[in-house]
Amino acid sequence: MDESIIDFQRRSRLGVIEAIWGEHKSIEQISKILRKYQLASETALVTRLTKKKGEKLLIEFPSANFHEISGCLTMGVIEECTFSGEEVIILTGGTSDLGVAAEAEIALKVHGIKTKLLIDVGVAGLHRLLERIEEIKLAKVVIACAGMEGALPTVLAGLIPQPIIGLPVSVGYGISDGGKTALEGMLASCAPGLLVVNIDNGYGAAMAALRILSS
């Protein structure tokens, strides 16, 4: 029995497409959903896919694209970027944060938002961040991904006036607790106006940025 009901009106209602959560769905379930997207001529974004799932889905949907680093699959027409500069700059504290950052980047790109990804600008080597500050200031919105204690968004929010979205990542030793320490650190930040999404929620951070840009 196919019980999936797709919210195809979300784009016209909210300006965003509905993401398909792939982690806890079978390949058969995802395939049924993607066929509905094809019939509706709608752009599809599937998140949280393993390489095995992604490659199997490509066999059935050869027009799709699987983005291995982010674990995302896209299918359909991708909006063209119309802005000349970087609307959203995505930062990572370290290379280990790349998968989550890449999910945010893909989610923005399918909506026609121009992005730039800056890797390894964590506060453990603060000079790396300071060297890129003038470049970061060119963005309209910044997404800062960090694991461990999650200090990157707080530091950044004290340096630039742009809206900053803190994206905690489940990277770190013991007490880091799968990203919980980073999340709580960002929520407890003394930097005024810092926005924070849930752990590893690259898609959610991207949609928050999209709403800011649309306002």
N, C-alpha and C. Protein backbone atom coordinates (compact mmCIF):
# COMPACT_ATOMS: atom_id res chain seq x y z
N MET A 1 0.84 -1.20 0.00
CA MET A 1 0.00 0.00 0.00
C MET A 1 0.87 1.25 0.00
N ASP A 2 0.62 2.17 -0.93
CA ASP A 2 1.41 3.39 -1.04
C ASP A 2 0.65 4.52 -0.35
N GLU A 3 1.14 4.95 0.81
CA GLU A 3 0.43 5.95 1.59
C GLU A 3 1.10 7.32 1.52
N SER A 4 2.19 7.46 0.79
CA SER A 4 2.91 8.74 0.76
C SER A 4 2.08 9.81 0.05
N ILE A 5 1.96 10.94 0.72
CA ILE A 5 1.25 12.09 0.16
C ILE A 5 2.26 13.24 0.04
N ILE A 6 2.54 13.67 -1.17
CA ILE A 6 3.57 14.67 -1.41
C ILE A 6 2.98 16.07 -1.34
N ASP A 7 3.68 16.96 -0.69
CA ASP A 7 3.24 18.35 -0.56
C ASP A 7 3.78 19.16 -1.73
N PHE A 8 3.19 18.96 -2.92
CA PHE A 8 3.66 19.67 -4.10
C PHE A 8 3.30 21.16 -4.06
N GLN A 9 2.45 21.57 -3.16
CA GLN A 9 2.08 22.98 -3.04
C GLN A 9 3.07 23.77 -2.17
N ARG A 10 4.04 23.07 -1.59
CA ARG A 10 4.95 23.75 -0.66
C ARG A 10 5.76 24.85 -1.36
N ARG A 11 6.15 24.62 -2.61
CA ARG A 11 6.93 25.63 -3.31
C ARG A 11 6.13 26.94 -3.47
N SER A 12 4.88 26.82 -3.90
CA SER A 12 4.06 28.02 -4.09
C SER A 12 3.64 28.63 -2.76
N ARG A 13 3.49 27.79 -1.73
CA ARG A 13 3.05 28.27 -0.43
C ARG A 13 4.18 28.90 0.39
N LEU A 14 5.35 28.25 0.37
CA LEU A 14 6.46 28.67 1.21
C LEU A 14 7.71 29.08 0.44
N GLY A 15 7.75 28.73 -0.85
CA GLY A 15 8.95 29.04 -1.63
C GLY A 15 10.03 28.00 -1.51
N VAL A 16 9.73 26.84 -0.92
CA VAL A 16 10.73 25.76 -0.78
C VAL A 16 10.11 24.44 -1.24
N ILE A 17 10.96 23.55 -1.73
CA ILE A 17 10.47 22.23 -2.12
C ILE A 17 10.56 21.29 -0.93
N GLU A 18 9.71 20.30 -0.93
CA GLU A 18 9.72 19.31 0.15
C GLU A 18 10.88 18.34 -0.04
N ALA A 19 11.68 18.16 1.00
CA ALA A 19 12.78 17.20 0.94
C ALA A 19 12.27 15.81 1.32
N ILE A 20 12.84 14.81 0.68
CA ILE A 20 12.49 13.42 0.96
C ILE A 20 13.56 12.84 1.89
N TRP A 21 13.16 12.45 3.08
CA TRP A 21 14.09 11.86 4.05
C TRP A 21 14.38 10.43 3.62
N GLY A 22 15.64 10.15 3.28
CA GLY A 22 15.97 8.86 2.71
C GLY A 22 16.50 7.82 3.68
N GLU A 23 16.93 8.25 4.86
CA GLU A 23 17.64 7.34 5.78
C GLU A 23 16.79 6.17 6.23
N HIS A 24 15.54 6.41 6.57
CA HIS A 24 14.70 5.35 7.11
C HIS A 24 13.66 4.84 6.11
N LYS A 25 13.85 5.17 4.86
CA LYS A 25 12.96 4.66 3.80
C LYS A 25 13.70 3.61 2.98
N SER A 26 12.96 2.63 2.52
CA SER A 26 13.56 1.62 1.65
C SER A 26 13.73 2.21 0.25
N ILE A 27 14.51 1.53 -0.56
CA ILE A 27 14.69 1.96 -1.95
C ILE A 27 13.35 1.94 -2.67
N GLU A 28 12.53 0.93 -2.38
CA GLU A 28 11.22 0.82 -3.03
C GLU A 28 10.33 2.01 -2.65
N GLN A 29 10.35 2.41 -1.39
CA GLN A 29 9.54 3.55 -0.95
C GLN A 29 10.00 4.84 -1.61
N ILE A 30 11.32 5.03 -1.66
CA ILE A 30 11.85 6.24 -2.29
C ILE A 30 11.53 6.26 -3.78
N SER A 31 11.62 5.11 -4.42
CA SER A 31 11.33 5.02 -5.85
C SER A 31 9.88 5.41 -6.15
N LYS A 32 8.95 4.93 -5.33
CA LYS A 32 7.54 5.29 -5.53
C LYS A 32 7.33 6.80 -5.42
N ILE A 33 8.02 7.40 -4.45
CA ILE A 33 7.89 8.84 -4.26
C ILE A 33 8.50 9.60 -5.45
N LEU A 34 9.67 9.16 -5.90
CA LEU A 34 10.32 9.84 -7.03
C LEU A 34 9.50 9.73 -8.31
N ARG A 35 8.81 8.62 -8.48
CA ARG A 35 7.95 8.51 -9.67
C ARG A 35 6.81 9.53 -9.62
N LYS A 36 6.32 9.81 -8.42
CA LYS A 36 5.30 10.85 -8.28
C LYS A 36 5.86 12.22 -8.64
N TYR A 37 7.12 12.46 -8.26
CA TYR A 37 7.76 13.72 -8.63
C TYR A 37 7.91 13.83 -10.14
N GLN A 38 8.27 12.73 -10.78
CA GLN A 38 8.40 12.73 -12.24
C GLN A 38 7.07 13.06 -12.91
N LEU A 39 6.01 12.45 -12.45
CA LEU A 39 4.69 12.69 -13.03
C LEU A 39 4.25 14.14 -12.84
N ALA A 40 4.67 14.74 -11.73
CA ALA A 40 4.30 16.13 -11.44
C ALA A 40 5.29 17.13 -12.03
N SER A 41 6.36 16.62 -12.70
CA SER A 41 7.42 17.48 -13.26
C SER A 41 7.97 18.42 -12.19
N GLU A 42 8.17 17.86 -11.00
CA GLU A 42 8.65 18.65 -9.87
C GLU A 42 10.09 18.25 -9.53
N THR A 43 10.86 19.21 -9.05
CA THR A 43 12.23 18.95 -8.63
C THR A 43 12.23 18.16 -7.33
N ALA A 44 13.07 17.13 -7.28
CA ALA A 44 13.13 16.28 -6.09
C ALA A 44 14.49 16.42 -5.41
N LEU A 45 14.46 16.40 -4.09
CA LEU A 45 15.68 16.39 -3.28
C LEU A 45 15.53 15.31 -2.22
N VAL A 46 16.38 14.30 -2.30
CA VAL A 46 16.37 13.21 -1.31
C VAL A 46 17.61 13.38 -0.44
N THR A 47 17.44 13.37 0.88
CA THR A 47 18.56 13.54 1.79
C THR A 47 18.85 12.24 2.54
N ARG A 48 20.02 12.17 3.16
CA ARG A 48 20.42 11.07 4.03
C ARG A 48 20.41 9.71 3.34
N LEU A 49 21.07 9.66 2.20
CA LEU A 49 21.20 8.39 1.48
C LEU A 49 22.59 7.82 1.64
N THR A 50 22.68 6.51 1.77
CA THR A 50 23.98 5.86 1.71
C THR A 50 24.41 5.78 0.25
N LYS A 51 25.67 5.51 0.04
CA LYS A 51 26.18 5.36 -1.33
C LYS A 51 25.46 4.21 -2.04
N LYS A 52 25.20 3.13 -1.31
CA LYS A 52 24.53 1.96 -1.89
C LYS A 52 23.13 2.33 -2.37
N LYS A 53 22.37 3.03 -1.53
CA LYS A 53 21.02 3.44 -1.93
C LYS A 53 21.07 4.40 -3.12
N GLY A 54 21.99 5.36 -3.04
CA GLY A 54 22.09 6.35 -4.10
C GLY A 54 22.39 5.72 -5.45
N GLU A 55 23.33 4.79 -5.48
CA GLU A 55 23.71 4.15 -6.74
C GLU A 55 22.58 3.27 -7.29
N LYS A 56 21.84 2.61 -6.41
CA LYS A 56 20.72 1.79 -6.87
C LYS A 56 19.60 2.66 -7.43
N LEU A 57 19.36 3.81 -6.83
CA LEU A 57 18.33 4.72 -7.33
C LEU A 57 18.71 5.30 -8.69
N LEU A 58 20.00 5.49 -8.93
CA LEU A 58 20.44 6.01 -10.21
C LEU A 58 20.16 5.04 -11.36
N ILE A 59 20.15 3.76 -11.04
CA ILE A 59 19.84 2.76 -12.08
C ILE A 59 18.40 2.94 -12.56
N GLU A 60 17.50 3.19 -11.62
CA GLU A 60 16.09 3.37 -11.97
C GLU A 60 15.79 4.77 -12.48
N PHE A 61 16.57 5.75 -12.00
CA PHE A 61 16.35 7.14 -12.39
C PHE A 61 17.65 7.73 -12.94
N PRO A 62 18.02 7.37 -14.16
CA PRO A 62 19.30 7.79 -14.73
C PRO A 62 19.45 9.29 -14.92
N SER A 63 18.35 10.02 -14.93
CA SER A 63 18.43 11.48 -15.09
C SER A 63 18.75 12.18 -13.77
N ALA A 64 18.73 11.43 -12.68
CA ALA A 64 19.00 12.01 -11.36
C ALA A 64 20.51 12.16 -11.16
N ASN A 65 20.88 12.88 -10.11
CA ASN A 65 22.28 13.04 -9.74
C ASN A 65 22.44 12.68 -8.26
N PHE A 66 23.42 11.82 -7.98
CA PHE A 66 23.71 11.47 -6.60
C PHE A 66 24.97 12.20 -6.17
N HIS A 67 24.85 12.93 -5.07
CA HIS A 67 25.97 13.73 -4.55
C HIS A 67 26.51 12.99 -3.32
N GLU A 68 27.57 12.25 -3.53
CA GLU A 68 28.02 11.29 -2.52
C GLU A 68 28.43 11.93 -1.20
N ILE A 69 29.13 13.07 -1.25
CA ILE A 69 29.61 13.68 -0.01
C ILE A 69 28.45 14.08 0.89
N SER A 70 27.41 14.66 0.30
CA SER A 70 26.26 15.11 1.07
C SER A 70 25.26 13.99 1.35
N GLY A 71 25.34 12.90 0.58
CA GLY A 71 24.34 11.84 0.70
C GLY A 71 22.99 12.26 0.16
N CYS A 72 22.99 13.18 -0.79
CA CYS A 72 21.75 13.70 -1.38
C CYS A 72 21.60 13.27 -2.83
N LEU A 73 20.37 13.11 -3.24
CA LEU A 73 20.05 12.85 -4.65
C LEU A 73 19.11 13.94 -5.13
N THR A 74 19.40 14.49 -6.31
CA THR A 74 18.54 15.50 -6.90
C THR A 74 18.04 15.02 -8.26
N MET A 75 16.84 15.45 -8.60
CA MET A 75 16.24 15.05 -9.87
C MET A 75 15.29 16.14 -10.33
N GLY A 76 15.34 16.46 -11.61
CA GLY A 76 14.45 17.48 -12.14
C GLY A 76 15.19 18.77 -12.45
N VAL A 77 14.42 19.79 -12.74
CA VAL A 77 14.98 21.08 -13.14
C VAL A 77 15.53 21.82 -11.92
N ILE A 78 16.80 22.23 -12.01
CA ILE A 78 17.43 23.01 -10.95
C ILE A 78 17.38 24.48 -11.35
N GLU A 79 16.89 25.32 -10.47
CA GLU A 79 16.80 26.75 -10.78
C GLU A 79 18.18 27.34 -11.01
N GLU A 80 18.26 28.29 -11.95
CA GLU A 80 19.52 28.96 -12.23
C GLU A 80 19.78 30.06 -11.21
N CYS A 81 21.05 30.20 -10.82
CA CYS A 81 21.43 31.27 -9.91
C CYS A 81 21.41 32.59 -10.68
N THR A 82 20.75 33.59 -10.13
CA THR A 82 20.65 34.88 -10.81
C THR A 82 21.45 35.97 -10.10
N PHE A 83 21.95 35.68 -8.90
CA PHE A 83 22.70 36.67 -8.14
C PHE A 83 24.17 36.57 -8.49
N SER A 84 24.84 37.71 -8.67
CA SER A 84 26.24 37.70 -9.12
C SER A 84 27.23 37.34 -8.01
N GLY A 85 26.88 37.65 -6.75
CA GLY A 85 27.77 37.33 -5.65
C GLY A 85 27.33 36.09 -4.90
N GLU A 86 28.00 35.81 -3.79
CA GLU A 86 27.61 34.67 -2.96
C GLU A 86 26.48 35.10 -2.03
N GLU A 87 25.32 34.53 -2.22
CA GLU A 87 24.21 34.86 -1.32
C GLU A 87 24.41 34.21 0.04
N VAL A 88 24.89 32.95 0.04
CA VAL A 88 25.11 32.23 1.30
C VAL A 88 26.52 31.65 1.29
N ILE A 89 27.28 31.96 2.32
CA ILE A 89 28.59 31.33 2.51
C ILE A 89 28.44 30.31 3.63
N ILE A 90 28.93 29.11 3.36
CA ILE A 90 28.84 28.01 4.34
C ILE A 90 30.25 27.72 4.84
N LEU A 91 30.43 27.77 6.15
CA LEU A 91 31.75 27.53 6.75
C LEU A 91 31.75 26.21 7.51
N THR A 92 32.89 25.55 7.51
CA THR A 92 33.05 24.37 8.36
C THR A 92 34.24 24.57 9.28
N GLY A 93 34.07 24.13 10.53
CA GLY A 93 35.18 24.19 11.46
C GLY A 93 36.32 23.27 11.02
N GLY A 94 35.96 22.10 10.46
CA GLY A 94 36.95 21.13 9.99
C GLY A 94 36.41 20.33 8.82
N THR A 95 37.27 19.53 8.24
CA THR A 95 36.87 18.70 7.10
C THR A 95 35.81 17.67 7.49
N SER A 96 35.79 17.26 8.75
CA SER A 96 34.81 16.28 9.21
C SER A 96 33.38 16.80 9.16
N ASP A 97 33.22 18.11 9.06
CA ASP A 97 31.89 18.73 8.99
C ASP A 97 31.37 18.82 7.56
N LEU A 98 32.16 18.35 6.61
CA LEU A 98 31.87 18.59 5.20
C LEU A 98 30.56 17.98 4.73
N GLY A 99 30.23 16.77 5.19
CA GLY A 99 29.00 16.12 4.73
C GLY A 99 27.75 16.93 5.05
N VAL A 100 27.69 17.45 6.28
CA VAL A 100 26.55 18.25 6.70
C VAL A 100 26.51 19.57 5.93
N ALA A 101 27.69 20.19 5.77
CA ALA A 101 27.76 21.44 5.01
C ALA A 101 27.34 21.24 3.56
N ALA A 102 27.74 20.11 2.99
CA ALA A 102 27.39 19.81 1.59
C ALA A 102 25.88 19.62 1.43
N GLU A 103 25.21 19.04 2.44
CA GLU A 103 23.76 18.91 2.40
C GLU A 103 23.11 20.28 2.33
N ALA A 104 23.59 21.21 3.15
CA ALA A 104 23.05 22.57 3.13
C ALA A 104 23.29 23.23 1.78
N GLU A 105 24.47 23.00 1.22
CA GLU A 105 24.80 23.61 -0.07
C GLU A 105 23.90 23.08 -1.19
N ILE A 106 23.70 21.76 -1.24
CA ILE A 106 22.84 21.17 -2.27
C ILE A 106 21.41 21.68 -2.13
N ALA A 107 20.92 21.75 -0.89
CA ALA A 107 19.55 22.20 -0.65
C ALA A 107 19.34 23.63 -1.13
N LEU A 108 20.36 24.46 -1.00
CA LEU A 108 20.25 25.84 -1.48
C LEU A 108 20.36 25.91 -3.01
N LYS A 109 21.24 25.12 -3.57
CA LYS A 109 21.44 25.16 -5.02
C LYS A 109 20.21 24.72 -5.80
N VAL A 110 19.44 23.77 -5.28
CA VAL A 110 18.24 23.35 -6.00
C VAL A 110 17.18 24.44 -5.99
N HIS A 111 17.36 25.44 -5.14
CA HIS A 111 16.46 26.59 -5.11
C HIS A 111 17.05 27.80 -5.84
N GLY A 112 18.15 27.60 -6.55
CA GLY A 112 18.73 28.67 -7.33
C GLY A 112 19.54 29.68 -6.53
N ILE A 113 20.00 29.28 -5.35
CA ILE A 113 20.77 30.18 -4.49
C ILE A 113 22.26 29.93 -4.68
N LYS A 114 22.99 31.00 -4.93
CA LYS A 114 24.43 30.87 -5.12
C LYS A 114 25.13 30.73 -3.77
N THR A 115 26.03 29.77 -3.68
CA THR A 115 26.71 29.49 -2.41
C THR A 115 28.22 29.44 -2.60
N LYS A 116 28.91 29.51 -1.49
CA LYS A 116 30.36 29.28 -1.47
C LYS A 116 30.68 28.52 -0.20
N LEU A 117 31.51 27.51 -0.32
CA LEU A 117 31.86 26.67 0.81
C LEU A 117 33.31 26.93 1.21
N LEU A 118 33.52 27.29 2.47
CA LEU A 118 34.86 27.51 3.01
C LEU A 118 35.11 26.46 4.09
N ILE A 119 36.15 25.66 3.90
CA ILE A 119 36.42 24.52 4.78
C ILE A 119 37.61 24.82 5.70
N ASP A 120 37.57 24.25 6.89
CA ASP A 120 38.68 24.33 7.85
C ASP A 120 38.98 25.76 8.30
N VAL A 121 37.96 26.43 8.82
CA VAL A 121 38.18 27.77 9.39
C VAL A 121 37.78 27.77 10.86
N GLY A 122 38.01 26.65 11.53
CA GLY A 122 37.61 26.51 12.93
C GLY A 122 38.44 27.35 13.88
N VAL A 123 37.92 27.53 15.09
CA VAL A 123 38.55 28.44 16.05
C VAL A 123 39.82 27.87 16.67
N ALA A 124 40.11 26.59 16.45
CA ALA A 124 41.37 26.05 16.97
C ALA A 124 42.56 26.70 16.29
N GLY A 125 42.35 27.24 15.10
CA GLY A 125 43.35 28.05 14.39
C GLY A 125 42.66 29.33 13.96
N LEU A 126 42.46 30.24 14.90
CA LEU A 126 41.61 31.40 14.67
C LEU A 126 42.07 32.26 13.49
N HIS A 127 43.37 32.25 13.22
CA HIS A 127 43.89 33.04 12.10
C HIS A 127 43.26 32.62 10.77
N ARG A 128 42.88 31.33 10.66
CA ARG A 128 42.27 30.85 9.41
C ARG A 128 40.94 31.53 9.16
N LEU A 129 40.18 31.77 10.22
CA LEU A 129 38.91 32.47 10.09
C LEU A 129 39.13 33.95 9.81
N LEU A 130 40.03 34.56 10.55
CA LEU A 130 40.27 36.00 10.40
C LEU A 130 40.79 36.35 9.01
N GLU A 131 41.54 35.44 8.43
CA GLU A 131 42.06 35.67 7.07
C GLU A 131 40.95 35.71 6.02
N ARG A 132 39.78 35.13 6.34
CA ARG A 132 38.67 35.06 5.37
C ARG A 132 37.52 36.00 5.71
N ILE A 133 37.67 36.81 6.75
CA ILE A 133 36.56 37.63 7.23
C ILE A 133 36.03 38.58 6.16
N GLU A 134 36.88 39.26 5.45
CA GLU A 134 36.43 40.22 4.44
C GLU A 134 35.65 39.49 3.33
N GLU A 135 36.08 38.30 2.99
CA GLU A 135 35.37 37.49 2.00
C GLU A 135 34.00 37.06 2.53
N ILE A 136 33.96 36.65 3.80
CA ILE A 136 32.71 36.20 4.41
C ILE A 136 31.70 37.34 4.48
N LYS A 137 32.17 38.56 4.70
CA LYS A 137 31.29 39.73 4.81
C LYS A 137 30.52 40.02 3.52
N LEU A 138 30.93 39.43 2.41
CA LEU A 138 30.26 39.66 1.13
C LEU A 138 28.96 38.89 1.02
N ALA A 139 28.78 37.90 1.89
CA ALA A 139 27.57 37.08 1.83
C ALA A 139 26.39 37.80 2.46
N LYS A 140 25.18 37.39 2.05
CA LYS A 140 23.97 37.93 2.68
C LYS A 140 23.63 37.16 3.95
N VAL A 141 23.93 35.84 3.93
CA VAL A 141 23.67 34.98 5.08
C VAL A 141 24.85 34.02 5.21
N VAL A 142 25.19 33.66 6.44
CA VAL A 142 26.29 32.73 6.69
C VAL A 142 25.77 31.54 7.49
N ILE A 143 26.14 30.34 7.04
CA ILE A 143 25.86 29.12 7.80
C ILE A 143 27.20 28.61 8.33
N ALA A 144 27.29 28.46 9.65
CA ALA A 144 28.54 28.03 10.27
C ALA A 144 28.36 26.65 10.89
N CYS A 145 29.08 25.67 10.34
CA CYS A 145 28.98 24.28 10.80
C CYS A 145 30.14 23.97 11.74
N ALA A 146 29.84 23.40 12.89
CA ALA A 146 30.91 23.08 13.84
C ALA A 146 30.50 21.96 14.77
N GLY A 147 31.46 21.08 15.06
CA GLY A 147 31.27 20.03 16.05
C GLY A 147 32.02 20.40 17.32
N MET A 148 32.54 19.40 18.04
CA MET A 148 33.26 19.64 19.29
C MET A 148 32.44 20.53 20.22
N GLU A 149 32.98 21.71 20.60
CA GLU A 149 32.25 22.62 21.49
C GLU A 149 31.39 23.60 20.72
N GLY A 150 31.51 23.62 19.39
CA GLY A 150 30.63 24.43 18.55
C GLY A 150 30.83 25.93 18.67
N ALA A 151 32.07 26.37 18.84
CA ALA A 151 32.33 27.79 19.10
C ALA A 151 32.32 28.68 17.85
N LEU A 152 32.50 28.09 16.68
CA LEU A 152 32.65 28.88 15.46
C LEU A 152 31.53 29.90 15.23
N PRO A 153 30.25 29.52 15.31
CA PRO A 153 29.19 30.51 15.07
C PRO A 153 29.21 31.67 16.06
N THR A 154 29.54 31.39 17.33
CA THR A 154 29.60 32.44 18.35
C THR A 154 30.69 33.45 18.02
N VAL A 155 31.87 32.96 17.69
CA VAL A 155 32.98 33.85 17.34
C VAL A 155 32.60 34.69 16.12
N LEU A 156 32.04 34.05 15.13
CA LEU A 156 31.69 34.74 13.89
C LEU A 156 30.61 35.80 14.13
N ALA A 157 29.65 35.49 15.00
CA ALA A 157 28.57 36.43 15.28
C ALA A 157 29.06 37.67 16.00
N GLY A 158 30.24 37.60 16.58
CA GLY A 158 30.83 38.78 17.22
C GLY A 158 31.70 39.59 16.28
N LEU A 159 31.83 39.13 15.03
CA LEU A 159 32.73 39.80 14.08
C LEU A 159 32.02 40.43 12.90
N ILE A 160 30.87 39.87 12.48
CA ILE A 160 30.19 40.38 11.29
C ILE A 160 28.70 40.60 11.58
N PRO A 161 28.05 41.50 10.81
CA PRO A 161 26.65 41.83 11.10
C PRO A 161 25.62 40.96 10.38
N GLN A 162 26.05 40.15 9.44
CA GLN A 162 25.11 39.33 8.67
C GLN A 162 24.39 38.31 9.56
N PRO A 163 23.19 37.87 9.14
CA PRO A 163 22.53 36.76 9.84
C PRO A 163 23.41 35.52 9.81
N ILE A 164 23.58 34.89 10.96
CA ILE A 164 24.41 33.69 11.05
C ILE A 164 23.56 32.55 11.59
N ILE A 165 23.63 31.42 10.90
CA ILE A 165 22.90 30.23 11.30
C ILE A 165 23.91 29.20 11.81
N GLY A 166 23.82 28.86 13.08
CA GLY A 166 24.71 27.86 13.65
C GLY A 166 24.19 26.46 13.36
N LEU A 167 25.07 25.64 12.82
CA LEU A 167 24.71 24.27 12.45
C LEU A 167 25.60 23.29 13.21
N PRO A 168 25.14 22.77 14.36
CA PRO A 168 25.95 21.84 15.14
C PRO A 168 26.12 20.50 14.43
N VAL A 169 27.31 19.96 14.52
CA VAL A 169 27.65 18.72 13.82
C VAL A 169 28.05 17.66 14.84
N SER A 170 27.65 16.42 14.57
CA SER A 170 27.90 15.30 15.51
C SER A 170 29.33 14.78 15.38
N VAL A 171 30.29 15.68 15.58
CA VAL A 171 31.71 15.33 15.50
C VAL A 171 32.36 15.73 16.82
N GLY A 172 33.14 14.82 17.41
CA GLY A 172 33.85 15.16 18.63
C GLY A 172 34.03 13.96 19.54
N TYR A 173 34.95 14.09 20.48
CA TYR A 173 35.23 13.02 21.44
C TYR A 173 34.17 12.97 22.53
N GLY A 174 34.07 11.83 23.20
CA GLY A 174 33.28 11.57 24.39
C GLY A 174 32.19 12.55 24.76
N ILE A 175 32.55 13.57 25.52
CA ILE A 175 31.57 14.50 26.07
C ILE A 175 30.87 15.32 24.98
N SER A 176 31.42 15.32 23.79
CA SER A 176 30.77 16.02 22.68
C SER A 176 29.39 15.43 22.40
N ASP A 177 29.21 14.14 22.78
CA ASP A 177 27.89 13.52 22.84
C ASP A 177 27.10 13.62 21.55
N GLY A 178 27.76 13.26 20.43
CA GLY A 178 27.05 13.22 19.15
C GLY A 178 26.52 14.56 18.68
N GLY A 179 27.18 15.65 19.08
CA GLY A 179 26.76 16.98 18.64
C GLY A 179 25.96 17.74 19.68
N LYS A 180 25.59 17.09 20.78
CA LYS A 180 24.76 17.75 21.79
C LYS A 180 25.50 18.92 22.45
N THR A 181 26.80 18.73 22.71
CA THR A 181 27.59 19.81 23.32
C THR A 181 27.65 21.01 22.39
N ALA A 182 27.87 20.76 21.10
CA ALA A 182 27.91 21.85 20.12
C ALA A 182 26.55 22.57 20.06
N LEU A 183 25.47 21.80 20.06
CA LEU A 183 24.13 22.38 20.03
C LEU A 183 23.89 23.26 21.25
N GLU A 184 24.18 22.72 22.44
CA GLU A 184 23.93 23.48 23.66
C GLU A 184 24.83 24.71 23.76
N GLY A 185 26.06 24.57 23.26
CA GLY A 185 26.97 25.71 23.27
C GLY A 185 26.46 26.84 22.38
N MET A 186 25.93 26.48 21.21
CA MET A 186 25.38 27.49 20.31
C MET A 186 24.12 28.12 20.89
N LEU A 187 23.27 27.30 21.50
CA LEU A 187 22.04 27.82 22.10
C LEU A 187 22.34 28.75 23.27
N ALA A 188 23.44 28.47 23.97
CA ALA A 188 23.81 29.28 25.14
C ALA A 188 24.74 30.43 24.76
N SER A 189 24.93 30.67 23.47
CA SER A 189 25.86 31.68 23.00
C SER A 189 25.51 33.07 23.52
N CYS A 190 26.54 33.85 23.85
CA CYS A 190 26.32 35.23 24.27
C CYS A 190 26.28 36.18 23.07
N ALA A 191 26.53 35.67 21.88
CA ALA A 191 26.48 36.50 20.67
C ALA A 191 25.02 36.80 20.33
N PRO A 192 24.63 38.06 20.25
CA PRO A 192 23.22 38.40 20.02
C PRO A 192 22.75 38.05 18.61
N GLY A 193 21.57 37.44 18.53
CA GLY A 193 20.94 37.19 17.24
C GLY A 193 21.40 35.95 16.51
N LEU A 194 22.18 35.10 17.16
CA LEU A 194 22.62 33.86 16.52
C LEU A 194 21.46 32.88 16.41
N LEU A 195 21.20 32.37 15.19
CA LEU A 195 20.17 31.38 14.98
C LEU A 195 20.80 29.99 15.01
N VAL A 196 20.09 28.99 15.51
CA VAL A 196 20.65 27.65 15.64
C VAL A 196 19.62 26.62 15.18
N VAL A 197 20.08 25.64 14.38
CA VAL A 197 19.22 24.54 13.96
C VAL A 197 19.66 23.26 14.66
N ASN A 198 18.96 22.18 14.41
CA ASN A 198 19.24 20.92 15.09
C ASN A 198 20.53 20.27 14.60
N ILE A 199 21.00 19.28 15.32
CA ILE A 199 22.26 18.60 15.01
C ILE A 199 22.23 17.97 13.62
N ASP A 200 23.25 18.26 12.82
CA ASP A 200 23.43 17.69 11.47
C ASP A 200 22.31 18.08 10.50
N ASN A 201 21.53 19.09 10.82
CA ASN A 201 20.38 19.46 9.99
C ASN A 201 20.78 20.46 8.90
N GLY A 202 21.55 19.98 7.93
CA GLY A 202 21.98 20.84 6.83
C GLY A 202 20.81 21.39 6.04
N TYR A 203 19.82 20.55 5.78
CA TYR A 203 18.64 20.99 5.03
C TYR A 203 17.90 22.09 5.79
N GLY A 204 17.73 21.91 7.10
CA GLY A 204 17.04 22.91 7.90
C GLY A 204 17.77 24.24 7.91
N ALA A 205 19.09 24.21 7.99
CA ALA A 205 19.88 25.45 7.95
C ALA A 205 19.71 26.14 6.61
N ALA A 206 19.70 25.35 5.54
CA ALA A 206 19.53 25.91 4.20
C ALA A 206 18.17 26.58 4.05
N MET A 207 17.12 25.94 4.56
CA MET A 207 15.78 26.51 4.44
C MET A 207 15.63 27.76 5.32
N ALA A 208 16.33 27.81 6.46
CA ALA A 208 16.32 29.02 7.27
C ALA A 208 16.98 30.17 6.50
N ALA A 209 18.09 29.87 5.84
CA ALA A 209 18.77 30.88 5.03
C ALA A 209 17.87 31.36 3.90
N LEU A 210 17.16 30.42 3.28
CA LEU A 210 16.26 30.76 2.18
C LEU A 210 15.14 31.68 2.64
N ARG A 211 14.61 31.41 3.81
CA ARG A 211 13.54 32.27 4.34
C ARG A 211 14.08 33.68 4.63
N ILE A 212 15.30 33.76 5.14
CA ILE A 212 15.90 35.08 5.40
C ILE A 212 16.07 35.84 4.09
N LEU A 213 16.57 35.17 3.06
CA LEU A 213 16.78 35.81 1.76
C LEU A 213 15.47 36.24 1.12
N SER A 214 14.39 35.53 1.43
CA SER A 214 13.10 35.82 0.82
C SER A 214 12.34 36.93 1.53
N SER A 215 12.82 37.31 2.70
CA SER A 215 12.09 38.29 3.51
C SER A 215 12.31 39.70 3.02
